[in-house]
Amino acid sequence: MKLLVINGPNLNFLGIRSTSIYGHEDYKSLVEKIMAYSKKEQVDTECYQSNHEGAIIDRLQKAYYDGVDGIVINPGAFTHYSYAIRDAISSIQIPTVEVHISNIHEREAFRHVSVTKDVCEHQIVGKGLVGYLEAISYLKEKNIY
């Protein structure tokens, strides 16, 4: 099983930005957790992060050609308004799980809307960094590969 984990804008600032919301662990720690869990679960996983909408779209499209079996994505703020990322997820037809570290439904009103949710297989919110591991498990358990 080949998975791609995509993180959008500001996720590289984990442990620095809004620690009361996102915690004190940094992005490197997140990647280490994902890779250790993936190794344990025998899942070939790549992590990718960009602050640029077009770069995320390019990586989603490349996933199609790379034969990726599933995607875990935290689009960051793009969740709430990027129809371009939504269209990219929809067009590649790779099972995708949307993850958010915080519970977007309990935060500011603009965060309650996810334009990407409806083109994803599943959404996990408010579980902290563990949400990424749950997303990997979800894809594996659903035999989506």
N, C-alpha and C. Protein backbone atom coordinates (compact mmCIF):
# COMPACT_ATOMS: atom_id res chain seq x y z
N MET A 1 0.85 -1.18 0.00
CA MET A 1 0.00 0.00 0.00
C MET A 1 0.89 1.24 0.00
N LYS A 2 0.59 2.14 -0.88
CA LYS A 2 1.38 3.35 -1.05
C LYS A 2 0.52 4.57 -0.70
N LEU A 3 0.92 5.30 0.34
CA LEU A 3 0.17 6.46 0.80
C LEU A 3 0.98 7.75 0.67
N LEU A 4 0.24 8.83 0.49
CA LEU A 4 0.82 10.17 0.47
C LEU A 4 0.12 10.99 1.53
N VAL A 5 0.90 11.64 2.39
CA VAL A 5 0.37 12.56 3.40
C VAL A 5 0.75 13.97 2.96
N ILE A 6 -0.27 14.80 2.76
CA ILE A 6 -0.05 16.18 2.31
C ILE A 6 -0.48 17.13 3.42
N ASN A 7 0.39 18.06 3.75
CA ASN A 7 0.09 19.11 4.71
C ASN A 7 0.18 20.46 4.03
N GLY A 8 -0.83 21.27 4.26
CA GLY A 8 -0.91 22.58 3.64
C GLY A 8 -0.24 23.68 4.45
N PRO A 9 -0.67 24.92 4.21
CA PRO A 9 0.00 26.09 4.77
C PRO A 9 0.05 26.11 6.29
N ASN A 10 1.19 26.53 6.77
CA ASN A 10 1.49 26.75 8.18
C ASN A 10 1.68 25.48 9.00
N LEU A 11 1.47 24.31 8.40
CA LEU A 11 1.71 23.08 9.15
C LEU A 11 3.19 22.91 9.47
N ASN A 12 4.05 23.52 8.66
CA ASN A 12 5.48 23.49 8.94
C ASN A 12 5.81 24.30 10.20
N PHE A 13 4.85 25.09 10.70
CA PHE A 13 5.05 25.88 11.91
C PHE A 13 4.42 25.23 13.14
N LEU A 14 4.14 23.93 13.07
CA LEU A 14 3.66 23.23 14.26
C LEU A 14 4.68 23.41 15.37
N GLY A 15 4.19 23.59 16.58
CA GLY A 15 5.06 23.80 17.73
C GLY A 15 5.46 25.25 17.90
N ILE A 16 5.18 26.08 16.91
CA ILE A 16 5.50 27.51 16.95
C ILE A 16 4.21 28.32 16.93
N ARG A 17 3.34 27.99 15.99
CA ARG A 17 2.10 28.74 15.75
C ARG A 17 0.97 28.20 16.63
N SER A 18 0.31 29.09 17.36
CA SER A 18 -0.91 28.76 18.11
C SER A 18 -0.78 27.45 18.88
N THR A 19 0.21 27.35 19.75
CA THR A 19 0.46 26.11 20.47
C THR A 19 -0.71 25.71 21.38
N SER A 20 -1.51 26.68 21.81
CA SER A 20 -2.68 26.33 22.64
C SER A 20 -3.71 25.57 21.82
N ILE A 21 -3.67 25.68 20.52
CA ILE A 21 -4.60 24.97 19.63
C ILE A 21 -3.96 23.72 19.04
N TYR A 22 -2.72 23.86 18.55
CA TYR A 22 -2.09 22.78 17.79
C TYR A 22 -1.04 21.99 18.57
N GLY A 23 -0.72 22.43 19.80
CA GLY A 23 0.23 21.71 20.62
C GLY A 23 1.67 22.18 20.42
N HIS A 24 2.56 21.54 21.15
CA HIS A 24 3.96 21.96 21.16
C HIS A 24 4.87 21.08 20.29
N GLU A 25 4.34 19.98 19.77
CA GLU A 25 5.17 19.13 18.92
C GLU A 25 5.36 19.81 17.56
N ASP A 26 6.57 19.70 17.02
CA ASP A 26 6.85 20.37 15.76
C ASP A 26 6.56 19.46 14.56
N TYR A 27 6.72 20.03 13.37
CA TYR A 27 6.42 19.30 12.14
C TYR A 27 7.30 18.06 12.00
N LYS A 28 8.56 18.19 12.36
CA LYS A 28 9.47 17.03 12.29
C LYS A 28 8.95 15.88 13.14
N SER A 29 8.43 16.21 14.31
CA SER A 29 7.86 15.18 15.19
C SER A 29 6.65 14.52 14.55
N LEU A 30 5.81 15.32 13.89
CA LEU A 30 4.66 14.76 13.19
C LEU A 30 5.10 13.77 12.12
N VAL A 31 6.06 14.17 11.31
CA VAL A 31 6.55 13.29 10.24
C VAL A 31 7.15 12.02 10.83
N GLU A 32 7.90 12.14 11.91
CA GLU A 32 8.48 10.96 12.55
C GLU A 32 7.41 10.00 13.03
N LYS A 33 6.34 10.53 13.63
CA LYS A 33 5.21 9.70 14.09
C LYS A 33 4.56 8.97 12.92
N ILE A 34 4.32 9.71 11.85
CA ILE A 34 3.68 9.13 10.67
C ILE A 34 4.55 8.03 10.09
N MET A 35 5.84 8.29 9.96
CA MET A 35 6.74 7.31 9.35
C MET A 35 6.91 6.07 10.24
N ALA A 36 7.00 6.26 11.55
CA ALA A 36 7.13 5.11 12.46
C ALA A 36 5.87 4.25 12.42
N TYR A 37 4.72 4.89 12.44
CA TYR A 37 3.46 4.16 12.38
C TYR A 37 3.32 3.43 11.03
N SER A 38 3.67 4.10 9.97
CA SER A 38 3.59 3.50 8.64
C SER A 38 4.49 2.28 8.53
N LYS A 39 5.69 2.39 9.08
CA LYS A 39 6.62 1.25 9.06
C LYS A 39 6.01 0.07 9.82
N LYS A 40 5.45 0.36 11.00
CA LYS A 40 4.83 -0.69 11.81
C LYS A 40 3.68 -1.35 11.06
N GLU A 41 2.91 -0.55 10.34
CA GLU A 41 1.75 -1.06 9.60
C GLU A 41 2.10 -1.55 8.20
N GLN A 42 3.37 -1.50 7.85
CA GLN A 42 3.87 -1.93 6.54
C GLN A 42 3.20 -1.17 5.40
N VAL A 43 3.17 0.14 5.57
CA VAL A 43 2.60 1.03 4.57
C VAL A 43 3.72 1.94 4.07
N ASP A 44 3.88 2.00 2.77
CA ASP A 44 4.88 2.86 2.13
C ASP A 44 4.31 4.28 2.09
N THR A 45 4.86 5.17 2.90
CA THR A 45 4.28 6.51 3.06
C THR A 45 5.29 7.60 2.75
N GLU A 46 4.82 8.61 2.06
CA GLU A 46 5.60 9.82 1.78
C GLU A 46 4.86 10.99 2.41
N CYS A 47 5.61 11.90 3.03
CA CYS A 47 5.03 13.12 3.59
C CYS A 47 5.47 14.31 2.74
N TYR A 48 4.54 15.22 2.53
CA TYR A 48 4.78 16.39 1.70
C TYR A 48 4.10 17.59 2.38
N GLN A 49 4.76 18.74 2.38
CA GLN A 49 4.18 19.96 2.94
C GLN A 49 4.49 21.12 2.03
N SER A 50 3.48 21.98 1.83
CA SER A 50 3.70 23.21 1.07
C SER A 50 2.77 24.29 1.56
N ASN A 51 3.26 25.52 1.50
CA ASN A 51 2.44 26.69 1.82
C ASN A 51 1.79 27.25 0.57
N HIS A 52 1.96 26.57 -0.57
CA HIS A 52 1.51 27.09 -1.85
C HIS A 52 0.42 26.21 -2.46
N GLU A 53 -0.69 26.81 -2.77
CA GLU A 53 -1.84 26.09 -3.31
C GLU A 53 -1.49 25.32 -4.59
N GLY A 54 -0.82 25.97 -5.52
CA GLY A 54 -0.47 25.32 -6.78
C GLY A 54 0.46 24.13 -6.58
N ALA A 55 1.38 24.23 -5.64
CA ALA A 55 2.29 23.12 -5.37
C ALA A 55 1.53 21.91 -4.81
N ILE A 56 0.52 22.17 -3.99
CA ILE A 56 -0.30 21.07 -3.45
C ILE A 56 -1.09 20.42 -4.58
N ILE A 57 -1.63 21.22 -5.47
CA ILE A 57 -2.35 20.68 -6.63
C ILE A 57 -1.41 19.86 -7.50
N ASP A 58 -0.22 20.38 -7.74
CA ASP A 58 0.76 19.63 -8.53
C ASP A 58 1.07 18.28 -7.88
N ARG A 59 1.21 18.27 -6.55
CA ARG A 59 1.55 17.01 -5.86
C ARG A 59 0.38 16.04 -5.89
N LEU A 60 -0.84 16.55 -5.77
CA LEU A 60 -2.01 15.68 -5.89
C LEU A 60 -2.06 15.04 -7.28
N GLN A 61 -1.83 15.82 -8.30
CA GLN A 61 -1.86 15.29 -9.66
C GLN A 61 -0.72 14.30 -9.90
N LYS A 62 0.44 14.58 -9.34
CA LYS A 62 1.57 13.65 -9.46
C LYS A 62 1.25 12.31 -8.79
N ALA A 63 0.47 12.36 -7.70
CA ALA A 63 0.08 11.14 -6.99
C ALA A 63 -0.66 10.18 -7.92
N TYR A 64 -1.45 10.74 -8.82
CA TYR A 64 -2.17 9.92 -9.79
C TYR A 64 -1.19 9.13 -10.65
N TYR A 65 -0.17 9.81 -11.15
CA TYR A 65 0.82 9.15 -12.00
C TYR A 65 1.77 8.25 -11.22
N ASP A 66 1.95 8.55 -9.93
CA ASP A 66 2.82 7.73 -9.09
C ASP A 66 2.16 6.44 -8.62
N GLY A 67 0.88 6.28 -8.88
CA GLY A 67 0.18 5.08 -8.45
C GLY A 67 -0.09 5.04 -6.96
N VAL A 68 -0.29 6.20 -6.36
CA VAL A 68 -0.59 6.27 -4.93
C VAL A 68 -1.95 5.63 -4.67
N ASP A 69 -2.05 4.82 -3.60
CA ASP A 69 -3.29 4.11 -3.28
C ASP A 69 -4.24 4.90 -2.40
N GLY A 70 -3.70 5.82 -1.61
CA GLY A 70 -4.53 6.61 -0.72
C GLY A 70 -3.80 7.87 -0.30
N ILE A 71 -4.58 8.89 0.06
CA ILE A 71 -4.02 10.18 0.46
C ILE A 71 -4.63 10.61 1.78
N VAL A 72 -3.77 11.12 2.65
CA VAL A 72 -4.19 11.80 3.86
C VAL A 72 -3.82 13.26 3.64
N ILE A 73 -4.81 14.16 3.79
CA ILE A 73 -4.53 15.57 3.53
C ILE A 73 -5.06 16.45 4.64
N ASN A 74 -4.20 17.36 5.08
CA ASN A 74 -4.61 18.46 5.94
C ASN A 74 -4.38 19.71 5.09
N PRO A 75 -5.44 20.21 4.44
CA PRO A 75 -5.25 21.36 3.55
C PRO A 75 -5.04 22.67 4.28
N GLY A 76 -5.04 22.65 5.62
CA GLY A 76 -4.89 23.90 6.37
C GLY A 76 -6.01 24.85 6.00
N ALA A 77 -5.69 26.13 5.91
CA ALA A 77 -6.69 27.14 5.60
C ALA A 77 -7.32 26.95 4.21
N PHE A 78 -6.62 26.24 3.31
CA PHE A 78 -7.21 25.99 1.99
C PHE A 78 -8.50 25.17 2.09
N THR A 79 -8.66 24.45 3.20
CA THR A 79 -9.87 23.66 3.45
C THR A 79 -11.12 24.49 3.22
N HIS A 80 -11.06 25.74 3.62
CA HIS A 80 -12.26 26.57 3.71
C HIS A 80 -12.60 27.32 2.44
N TYR A 81 -11.68 27.32 1.45
CA TYR A 81 -12.00 28.11 0.26
C TYR A 81 -11.35 27.63 -1.04
N SER A 82 -10.52 26.61 -1.01
CA SER A 82 -9.81 26.24 -2.24
C SER A 82 -10.60 25.23 -3.07
N TYR A 83 -11.38 25.77 -3.98
CA TYR A 83 -12.08 24.90 -4.91
C TYR A 83 -11.10 24.27 -5.89
N ALA A 84 -9.94 24.87 -6.05
CA ALA A 84 -8.91 24.29 -6.93
C ALA A 84 -8.36 23.00 -6.32
N ILE A 85 -8.10 22.99 -5.03
CA ILE A 85 -7.64 21.76 -4.36
C ILE A 85 -8.77 20.74 -4.36
N ARG A 86 -9.99 21.20 -4.11
CA ARG A 86 -11.16 20.31 -4.15
C ARG A 86 -11.24 19.63 -5.51
N ASP A 87 -11.12 20.39 -6.59
CA ASP A 87 -11.19 19.84 -7.93
C ASP A 87 -10.05 18.86 -8.20
N ALA A 88 -8.87 19.16 -7.68
CA ALA A 88 -7.72 18.26 -7.86
C ALA A 88 -7.97 16.92 -7.16
N ILE A 89 -8.47 16.97 -5.93
CA ILE A 89 -8.78 15.73 -5.20
C ILE A 89 -9.83 14.93 -5.97
N SER A 90 -10.85 15.61 -6.42
CA SER A 90 -11.93 14.96 -7.15
C SER A 90 -11.45 14.33 -8.45
N SER A 91 -10.57 15.01 -9.15
CA SER A 91 -10.16 14.55 -10.48
C SER A 91 -9.23 13.34 -10.45
N ILE A 92 -8.45 13.18 -9.38
CA ILE A 92 -7.50 12.06 -9.36
C ILE A 92 -8.15 10.76 -8.91
N GLN A 93 -9.30 10.84 -8.26
CA GLN A 93 -10.06 9.67 -7.83
C GLN A 93 -9.23 8.68 -7.02
N ILE A 94 -8.41 9.22 -6.13
CA ILE A 94 -7.66 8.41 -5.17
C ILE A 94 -8.35 8.60 -3.83
N PRO A 95 -8.68 7.51 -3.12
CA PRO A 95 -9.33 7.66 -1.82
C PRO A 95 -8.53 8.58 -0.90
N THR A 96 -9.21 9.58 -0.36
CA THR A 96 -8.54 10.63 0.42
C THR A 96 -9.26 10.84 1.74
N VAL A 97 -8.47 11.00 2.80
CA VAL A 97 -9.00 11.32 4.12
C VAL A 97 -8.50 12.71 4.50
N GLU A 98 -9.44 13.58 4.86
CA GLU A 98 -9.11 14.94 5.31
C GLU A 98 -8.90 14.90 6.82
N VAL A 99 -7.81 15.50 7.27
CA VAL A 99 -7.46 15.53 8.69
C VAL A 99 -7.26 16.96 9.14
N HIS A 100 -7.74 17.25 10.35
CA HIS A 100 -7.47 18.53 11.00
C HIS A 100 -7.08 18.26 12.44
N ILE A 101 -5.99 18.86 12.87
CA ILE A 101 -5.48 18.67 14.22
C ILE A 101 -6.49 19.17 15.25
N SER A 102 -7.04 20.35 15.00
CA SER A 102 -8.06 20.91 15.90
C SER A 102 -9.44 20.54 15.38
N ASN A 103 -10.45 20.76 16.22
CA ASN A 103 -11.83 20.52 15.79
C ASN A 103 -12.33 21.78 15.10
N ILE A 104 -12.29 21.78 13.78
CA ILE A 104 -12.67 22.96 13.01
C ILE A 104 -14.13 23.34 13.23
N HIS A 105 -14.95 22.40 13.68
CA HIS A 105 -16.37 22.67 13.90
C HIS A 105 -16.63 23.42 15.20
N GLU A 106 -15.61 23.53 16.04
CA GLU A 106 -15.75 24.23 17.32
C GLU A 106 -14.92 25.51 17.37
N ARG A 107 -14.43 25.93 16.22
CA ARG A 107 -13.60 27.14 16.16
C ARG A 107 -14.36 28.27 15.47
N GLU A 108 -13.65 29.23 14.92
CA GLU A 108 -14.28 30.36 14.27
C GLU A 108 -15.24 29.88 13.19
N ALA A 109 -16.30 30.66 12.96
CA ALA A 109 -17.36 30.26 12.02
C ALA A 109 -16.81 29.94 10.63
N PHE A 110 -15.83 30.70 10.15
CA PHE A 110 -15.32 30.45 8.79
C PHE A 110 -14.65 29.09 8.68
N ARG A 111 -14.19 28.54 9.80
CA ARG A 111 -13.52 27.23 9.77
C ARG A 111 -14.52 26.07 9.74
N HIS A 112 -15.78 26.33 9.98
CA HIS A 112 -16.78 25.26 10.01
C HIS A 112 -17.03 24.68 8.62
N VAL A 113 -16.73 25.45 7.59
CA VAL A 113 -16.97 25.01 6.22
C VAL A 113 -15.72 24.37 5.65
N SER A 114 -15.91 23.18 5.10
CA SER A 114 -14.82 22.51 4.38
C SER A 114 -15.30 22.27 2.95
N VAL A 115 -14.66 22.94 2.01
CA VAL A 115 -15.04 22.73 0.60
C VAL A 115 -14.42 21.44 0.06
N THR A 116 -13.47 20.87 0.78
CA THR A 116 -12.81 19.64 0.33
C THR A 116 -13.46 18.38 0.91
N LYS A 117 -14.20 18.51 1.98
CA LYS A 117 -14.76 17.35 2.68
C LYS A 117 -15.56 16.42 1.77
N ASP A 118 -16.40 17.00 0.93
CA ASP A 118 -17.31 16.18 0.12
C ASP A 118 -16.62 15.35 -0.95
N VAL A 119 -15.38 15.66 -1.28
CA VAL A 119 -14.65 14.85 -2.26
C VAL A 119 -13.65 13.91 -1.58
N CYS A 120 -13.69 13.89 -0.25
CA CYS A 120 -12.85 12.99 0.52
C CYS A 120 -13.69 11.80 1.00
N GLU A 121 -13.02 10.70 1.21
CA GLU A 121 -13.65 9.47 1.70
C GLU A 121 -14.12 9.63 3.14
N HIS A 122 -13.38 10.42 3.92
CA HIS A 122 -13.63 10.51 5.36
C HIS A 122 -12.98 11.79 5.87
N GLN A 123 -13.45 12.28 7.03
CA GLN A 123 -12.85 13.46 7.67
C GLN A 123 -12.60 13.14 9.13
N ILE A 124 -11.42 13.50 9.63
CA ILE A 124 -11.06 13.31 11.04
C ILE A 124 -10.66 14.67 11.58
N VAL A 125 -11.32 15.12 12.66
CA VAL A 125 -11.02 16.43 13.24
C VAL A 125 -10.83 16.32 14.75
N GLY A 126 -9.99 17.20 15.28
CA GLY A 126 -9.86 17.36 16.72
C GLY A 126 -9.16 16.25 17.45
N LYS A 127 -8.40 15.42 16.77
CA LYS A 127 -7.70 14.31 17.43
C LYS A 127 -6.22 14.59 17.62
N GLY A 128 -5.80 15.82 17.35
CA GLY A 128 -4.38 16.14 17.43
C GLY A 128 -3.61 15.42 16.35
N LEU A 129 -2.34 15.18 16.61
CA LEU A 129 -1.49 14.51 15.61
C LEU A 129 -1.90 13.07 15.38
N VAL A 130 -2.56 12.48 16.37
CA VAL A 130 -3.03 11.09 16.26
C VAL A 130 -4.03 10.94 15.11
N GLY A 131 -4.69 12.02 14.74
CA GLY A 131 -5.64 11.97 13.64
C GLY A 131 -5.01 11.47 12.35
N TYR A 132 -3.75 11.79 12.14
CA TYR A 132 -3.05 11.31 10.94
C TYR A 132 -2.92 9.79 10.97
N LEU A 133 -2.61 9.25 12.14
CA LEU A 133 -2.46 7.80 12.27
C LEU A 133 -3.80 7.11 12.09
N GLU A 134 -4.86 7.73 12.61
CA GLU A 134 -6.21 7.19 12.42
C GLU A 134 -6.58 7.19 10.94
N ALA A 135 -6.16 8.22 10.23
CA ALA A 135 -6.45 8.29 8.79
C ALA A 135 -5.74 7.16 8.04
N ILE A 136 -4.50 6.91 8.40
CA ILE A 136 -3.76 5.81 7.77
C ILE A 136 -4.46 4.49 8.07
N SER A 137 -4.85 4.28 9.32
CA SER A 137 -5.57 3.06 9.70
C SER A 137 -6.89 2.94 8.95
N TYR A 138 -7.60 4.05 8.82
CA TYR A 138 -8.87 4.05 8.11
C TYR A 138 -8.67 3.56 6.67
N LEU A 139 -7.69 4.11 5.98
CA LEU A 139 -7.44 3.69 4.60
C LEU A 139 -7.05 2.22 4.52
N LYS A 140 -6.23 1.80 5.46
CA LYS A 140 -5.80 0.40 5.45
C LYS A 140 -6.97 -0.53 5.77
N GLU A 141 -7.75 -0.22 6.80
CA GLU A 141 -8.86 -1.07 7.21
C GLU A 141 -9.97 -1.14 6.19
N LYS A 142 -10.18 -0.06 5.47
CA LYS A 142 -11.23 -0.04 4.44
C LYS A 142 -10.78 -0.75 3.18
N ASN A 143 -9.56 -1.30 3.22
CA ASN A 143 -9.00 -1.97 2.04
C ASN A 143 -9.00 -1.06 0.83
N ILE A 144 -8.72 0.21 1.08
CA ILE A 144 -8.70 1.17 -0.01
C ILE A 144 -7.26 1.26 -0.52
N TYR A 145 -6.86 0.25 -1.19
CA TYR A 145 -5.53 0.22 -1.80
C TYR A 145 -5.48 -0.83 -2.86
